[in-house]
Amino acid sequence: MRFYSFTLEKPVMYFMGGEFTTSNAWQHHARYHKGDYEIIFCLKGPIFLQVGSEKYVVKPNQMIIIPPFKHLIGYQKSEENIDFYWLHFFPQSTVSSFEADEKEIVNKLKYNNYGTNDIITLPMLFNIDNYKDMTIAFHRLLSVGGKLNRLEKRDFLTSALLIEIFEAYVKQQDSSSGHAKIEHLKEWIKSNMSNTLTVNEIAENVHLNRNYLTKIFKHDTDMTTLQYINKIKIELATLLLLRTEMSIKEISYAAYFTTPKMFMRRFKIETDLSPTEYRNKYNTILKNNSHIDPFIPVPSRISDSINDGVSENVAGVKDSKEETIKP
C-alpha cells in the first residue's frame, strides 16, 4: 500500500478547494498537479480516477490523496450521483512516499513509534468511518476560507484538518477487544437513536450494568454515554444545517430533540452559536463548478517560496521503497 508522510513543522499552504455535485453521468477532466497535493473526499460515488498509470475506484466515505507531478484523469464515467469535497495544498517540508504493509504502519502510528509528533502518515486511498464529523470539518474549512483576512490562518486550518484525518484513520484501525466493544456500542446507539433514548435503555439492550457501561465509555472516548448521545444529535443537526434547506424546527425533530427550544438551547451550549447563526456563518462554499477546480494562478506567497528556495521541499516528494521514517 502506498503511504504519504507529511511533516508539519510548518503548516501546509492552502491553495484552493470546494465541493462538486452532479446528478448526471460525469467523468473527471484531465489535469496535472504542478506541485500541489489534492485530497478528494467522496460523499456520493463511485469516482473512477487514474493517477499516473494506476486506476482507483473511490467509493462513498473514502478519501484519496493525489500527489504532485502526476497526470490525473477520469478513466470511466460515474453513472451515479456524484458529490465530493476537493482540497489542494502545498507542503512546506519534506513529504515521504513509500510502499508498506498497512498493519505494520498502523501499529507504529498507534504507539507513536516514529519518535515525533509533527509527522502524519496516511495511505493514498482509505475509508473514513466517522464520515459525518469529517463532512462537517471539510465544509467548515472550505466555507470560511474566503472570509479569513490572513491566508496563514487558512493554512493552519488546513493543517488541523490533516491532523484530524490522520487521527480518525489511526483510531478506526484499532481492533483491540475493548475498543471493538465500544465501537459496537456506538453503532448500536446510532442505529437505535430516538428522542427518548436513555442510558438505562442502552445498558439493558447491550446487557451491561449502567455504571460499567459509563465507565468503559468514558475510558475510551473521554465522554459519558449521555454526552455521546448528545454529540450524535448535535453532529446530525450540524450536518443538516450545512447541507440541507430544512427549517430549524424540522432539524430539531430530525436530530432527535423533543422540542425546537431544547434543540436551540443545547446547540448554543455546544457551539456558542444559535442554529441560524451557525448556518449563516458556514453557508458559503465554492460549489458546482463545471471544471471542479478551475485554473487559479499559484498565489505569490507560494510561488515566491518555491522560486526563492525558502524550502526545496515545498510540494516535493521523497520517494522510497522503504519507510523513510524510522522507529
Foldseek 3Di string as FASTA:
>chain_A
DKKKKAFPPDFWFWFAKFKEKDAAWDWAAKDAAALKKKKKAWQQWFFWKDWANDIDTAHHQKMAIRAHGTIMIGPGIIGGITMIMMTITKGQAEMEMADDDPVVVLVCVVVVVLVDDRMFMDHRMDGQPPVLVLVLLRLQLQQCCVVDPDSSVSRVSVRVSSVVVRVRVSLVVDPDPLSVVLVVLLVVCVVPPALPDDLVVSCVVVVHDSVVQQVSNCVVPVDGPVVVLLVQLLSQLSSCLAPHPDDLQVSCRVSRHPGSVVVQVSNCVVPVDGSVRSSVNRHGHDYNDPNNDDDDPGDPVLVVCCVVPVDVNTSHYHYDHDDPRGD
